[in-house]
C-alpha cells in the first residue's frame, strides 16, 4: 500500500490534525425581485406568524441547491 507523506504529517509517530483556516465561501445576497411563480403554491399559504424563505446554497464545487422552507416565529 502506498501512503502520501509530507513534512508535518506526523509528530512523535502520531498523525497531526491538518491546519484549519477560514475560507471565504459563504456569501449572503438580497434580491429585490418577486419570487418565481414555480415556487409559489397555495399549500404554503402563510399565517401572520409564518414566513416563506427561499434558501440558495452553492458549495465550493459550484453545485447549486434552492429550497423553499417555512419559518414560524
N, C-alpha and C. Protein backbone atom coordinates (compact mmCIF):
# COMPACT_ATOMS: atom_id res chain seq x y z
N UNK A 1 0.85 -1.18 0.00
CA UNK A 1 0.00 0.00 0.00
C UNK A 1 0.89 1.24 0.00
N UNK A 2 0.50 2.25 -0.75
CA UNK A 2 1.26 3.48 -0.85
C UNK A 2 0.61 4.56 0.01
N UNK A 3 1.42 5.34 0.69
CA UNK A 3 0.90 6.41 1.53
C UNK A 3 1.59 7.71 1.15
N UNK A 4 0.79 8.76 1.03
CA UNK A 4 1.37 10.08 0.80
C UNK A 4 1.86 10.64 2.12
N UNK A 5 3.07 11.10 2.15
CA UNK A 5 3.61 11.70 3.37
C UNK A 5 4.20 13.06 3.03
N UNK A 6 4.19 13.94 3.99
CA UNK A 6 4.77 15.27 3.83
C UNK A 6 5.25 15.74 5.18
N UNK A 7 6.07 16.76 5.15
CA UNK A 7 6.64 17.28 6.38
C UNK A 7 5.51 17.85 7.25
N UNK A 8 5.45 17.43 8.49
CA UNK A 8 4.44 17.90 9.42
C UNK A 8 3.23 16.99 9.53
N UNK A 9 3.19 15.89 8.74
CA UNK A 9 2.06 14.97 8.82
C UNK A 9 2.11 14.16 10.12
N UNK A 10 3.31 13.82 10.55
CA UNK A 10 3.48 13.05 11.78
C UNK A 10 4.32 13.83 12.77
N UNK A 11 3.97 13.70 14.04
CA UNK A 11 4.77 14.29 15.11
C UNK A 11 4.88 13.22 16.20
N UNK A 12 6.09 12.84 16.53
CA UNK A 12 6.36 11.78 17.52
C UNK A 12 5.66 10.48 17.15
N UNK A 13 5.58 10.16 15.85
CA UNK A 13 4.99 8.91 15.40
C UNK A 13 3.48 8.92 15.30
N UNK A 14 2.82 10.03 15.63
CA UNK A 14 1.36 10.13 15.56
C UNK A 14 0.96 11.15 14.50
N UNK A 15 -0.17 10.90 13.84
CA UNK A 15 -0.66 11.83 12.84
C UNK A 15 -1.09 13.14 13.50
N UNK A 16 -0.80 14.24 12.82
CA UNK A 16 -1.16 15.57 13.31
C UNK A 16 -2.38 16.04 12.53
N UNK A 17 -3.35 16.65 13.20
CA UNK A 17 -4.53 17.19 12.54
C UNK A 17 -4.12 18.30 11.57
N UNK A 18 -4.78 18.41 10.43
CA UNK A 18 -4.43 19.46 9.49
C UNK A 18 -4.80 20.84 10.03
N UNK A 19 -4.11 21.85 9.55
CA UNK A 19 -4.39 23.22 9.96
C UNK A 19 -5.71 23.65 9.32
N UNK A 20 -6.60 24.19 10.12
CA UNK A 20 -7.90 24.66 9.62
C UNK A 20 -7.84 26.17 9.47
N UNK A 21 -8.26 26.65 8.31
CA UNK A 21 -8.31 28.08 8.07
C UNK A 21 -9.72 28.46 7.64
N UNK A 22 -10.12 29.69 7.91
CA UNK A 22 -11.42 30.18 7.49
C UNK A 22 -11.38 30.51 6.00
N UNK A 23 -12.31 29.94 5.25
CA UNK A 23 -12.36 30.19 3.81
C UNK A 23 -13.57 31.07 3.49
N UNK A 24 -13.41 32.02 2.60
CA UNK A 24 -14.48 32.99 2.33
C UNK A 24 -15.49 32.48 1.30
N UNK A 25 -16.11 31.32 1.53
CA UNK A 25 -17.06 30.77 0.57
C UNK A 25 -18.49 31.19 0.83
N UNK A 26 -18.80 31.63 2.05
CA UNK A 26 -20.18 31.96 2.36
C UNK A 26 -20.47 33.40 1.97
N UNK A 27 -21.48 33.58 1.15
CA UNK A 27 -21.93 34.92 0.79
C UNK A 27 -23.43 35.00 1.00
N UNK A 28 -23.91 36.18 1.31
CA UNK A 28 -25.34 36.41 1.52
C UNK A 28 -25.78 37.45 0.50
N UNK A 29 -26.81 37.10 -0.26
CA UNK A 29 -27.33 38.01 -1.27
C UNK A 29 -28.77 38.35 -0.96
N UNK A 30 -29.16 39.59 -1.22
CA UNK A 30 -30.54 40.00 -1.13
C UNK A 30 -31.00 40.40 -2.52
N UNK A 31 -32.09 39.79 -2.97
CA UNK A 31 -32.58 40.05 -4.31
C UNK A 31 -33.94 40.71 -4.20
N UNK A 32 -34.10 41.88 -4.82
CA UNK A 32 -35.37 42.58 -4.80
C UNK A 32 -36.19 42.25 -6.04
N UNK A 33 -36.56 41.00 -6.17
CA UNK A 33 -37.40 40.54 -7.26
C UNK A 33 -38.50 39.68 -6.68
N UNK A 34 -39.62 39.63 -7.38
CA UNK A 34 -40.68 38.74 -6.93
C UNK A 34 -40.25 37.31 -7.16
N UNK A 35 -40.71 36.43 -6.28
CA UNK A 35 -40.37 35.02 -6.40
C UNK A 35 -40.91 34.44 -7.69
N UNK A 36 -40.23 33.48 -8.21
CA UNK A 36 -40.68 32.80 -9.43
C UNK A 36 -42.02 32.12 -9.15
N UNK A 37 -42.88 32.11 -10.15
CA UNK A 37 -44.21 31.51 -9.99
C UNK A 37 -44.13 30.04 -9.62
N UNK A 38 -43.09 29.35 -10.05
CA UNK A 38 -42.94 27.93 -9.76
C UNK A 38 -42.74 27.64 -8.29
N UNK A 39 -42.26 28.60 -7.51
CA UNK A 39 -42.02 28.37 -6.09
C UNK A 39 -43.24 28.70 -5.24
N UNK A 40 -44.22 29.42 -5.79
CA UNK A 40 -45.40 29.80 -5.02
C UNK A 40 -46.48 28.76 -5.21
N UNK A 41 -47.01 28.25 -4.11
CA UNK A 41 -48.12 27.31 -4.16
C UNK A 41 -49.11 27.66 -3.07
N UNK A 42 -50.36 27.24 -3.25
CA UNK A 42 -51.38 27.50 -2.24
C UNK A 42 -51.17 26.65 -1.00
N UNK A 43 -50.41 25.57 -1.12
CA UNK A 43 -50.15 24.70 0.03
C UNK A 43 -49.42 25.48 1.12
N UNK A 44 -48.56 26.44 0.73
CA UNK A 44 -47.76 27.18 1.69
C UNK A 44 -48.39 28.52 2.06
N UNK A 45 -49.71 28.61 2.07
CA UNK A 45 -50.36 29.86 2.46
C UNK A 45 -49.95 30.18 3.90
N UNK A 46 -49.36 31.34 4.09
CA UNK A 46 -48.75 31.67 5.38
C UNK A 46 -49.71 32.44 6.27
N UNK A 47 -49.69 32.12 7.57
CA UNK A 47 -50.43 32.89 8.57
C UNK A 47 -49.59 34.10 8.96
N UNK A 48 -50.11 34.92 9.86
CA UNK A 48 -49.41 36.16 10.24
C UNK A 48 -48.05 35.89 10.87
N UNK A 49 -47.86 34.76 11.55
CA UNK A 49 -46.58 34.49 12.21
C UNK A 49 -45.72 33.50 11.43
N UNK A 50 -46.09 33.19 10.19
CA UNK A 50 -45.33 32.26 9.37
C UNK A 50 -44.80 32.99 8.14
N UNK A 51 -43.61 32.59 7.73
CA UNK A 51 -42.97 33.21 6.57
C UNK A 51 -42.40 32.14 5.66
N UNK A 52 -42.37 32.44 4.38
CA UNK A 52 -41.73 31.56 3.42
C UNK A 52 -40.34 32.12 3.14
N UNK A 53 -39.33 31.26 3.19
CA UNK A 53 -37.95 31.69 2.97
C UNK A 53 -37.35 30.82 1.88
N UNK A 54 -36.73 31.45 0.90
CA UNK A 54 -36.04 30.72 -0.15
C UNK A 54 -34.55 30.72 0.21
N UNK A 55 -33.97 29.54 0.34
CA UNK A 55 -32.57 29.39 0.69
C UNK A 55 -31.83 28.81 -0.51
N UNK A 56 -30.77 29.49 -0.92
CA UNK A 56 -29.97 29.03 -2.04
C UNK A 56 -28.56 28.78 -1.53
N UNK A 57 -28.05 27.57 -1.78
CA UNK A 57 -26.72 27.18 -1.32
C UNK A 57 -25.89 26.79 -2.53
N UNK A 58 -24.70 27.36 -2.64
CA UNK A 58 -23.76 26.98 -3.68
C UNK A 58 -22.49 26.52 -2.99
N UNK A 59 -22.13 25.24 -3.18
CA UNK A 59 -20.95 24.73 -2.50
C UNK A 59 -19.68 25.07 -3.28
N UNK A 60 -18.54 24.67 -2.76
CA UNK A 60 -17.27 25.08 -3.36
C UNK A 60 -17.03 24.45 -4.72
N UNK A 61 -17.81 23.42 -5.07
CA UNK A 61 -17.69 22.80 -6.39
C UNK A 61 -18.64 23.44 -7.40
N UNK A 62 -19.46 24.39 -6.94
CA UNK A 62 -20.38 25.07 -7.83
C UNK A 62 -21.75 24.43 -7.89
N UNK A 63 -22.00 23.39 -7.10
CA UNK A 63 -23.32 22.76 -7.07
C UNK A 63 -24.31 23.71 -6.43
N UNK A 64 -25.48 23.83 -7.02
CA UNK A 64 -26.48 24.83 -6.66
C UNK A 64 -27.73 24.13 -6.14
N UNK A 65 -28.20 24.50 -4.93
CA UNK A 65 -29.41 23.94 -4.37
C UNK A 65 -30.29 25.08 -3.89
N UNK A 66 -31.57 25.06 -4.27
CA UNK A 66 -32.53 26.07 -3.83
C UNK A 66 -33.68 25.35 -3.14
N UNK A 67 -34.04 25.81 -1.94
CA UNK A 67 -35.12 25.20 -1.17
C UNK A 67 -36.07 26.29 -0.68
N UNK A 68 -37.36 25.96 -0.65
CA UNK A 68 -38.37 26.83 -0.07
C UNK A 68 -38.74 26.24 1.28
N UNK A 69 -38.55 27.00 2.35
CA UNK A 69 -38.84 26.49 3.69
C UNK A 69 -39.82 27.43 4.39
N UNK A 70 -40.56 26.88 5.35
CA UNK A 70 -41.49 27.67 6.16
C UNK A 70 -40.83 27.96 7.51
N UNK A 71 -40.96 29.20 7.94
CA UNK A 71 -40.40 29.62 9.24
C UNK A 71 -41.55 30.17 10.06
N UNK A 72 -41.68 29.67 11.27
CA UNK A 72 -42.73 30.18 12.17
C UNK A 72 -42.07 30.88 13.34
N UNK A 73 -42.51 32.11 13.56
CA UNK A 73 -41.92 32.93 14.63
C UNK A 73 -42.97 33.14 15.71
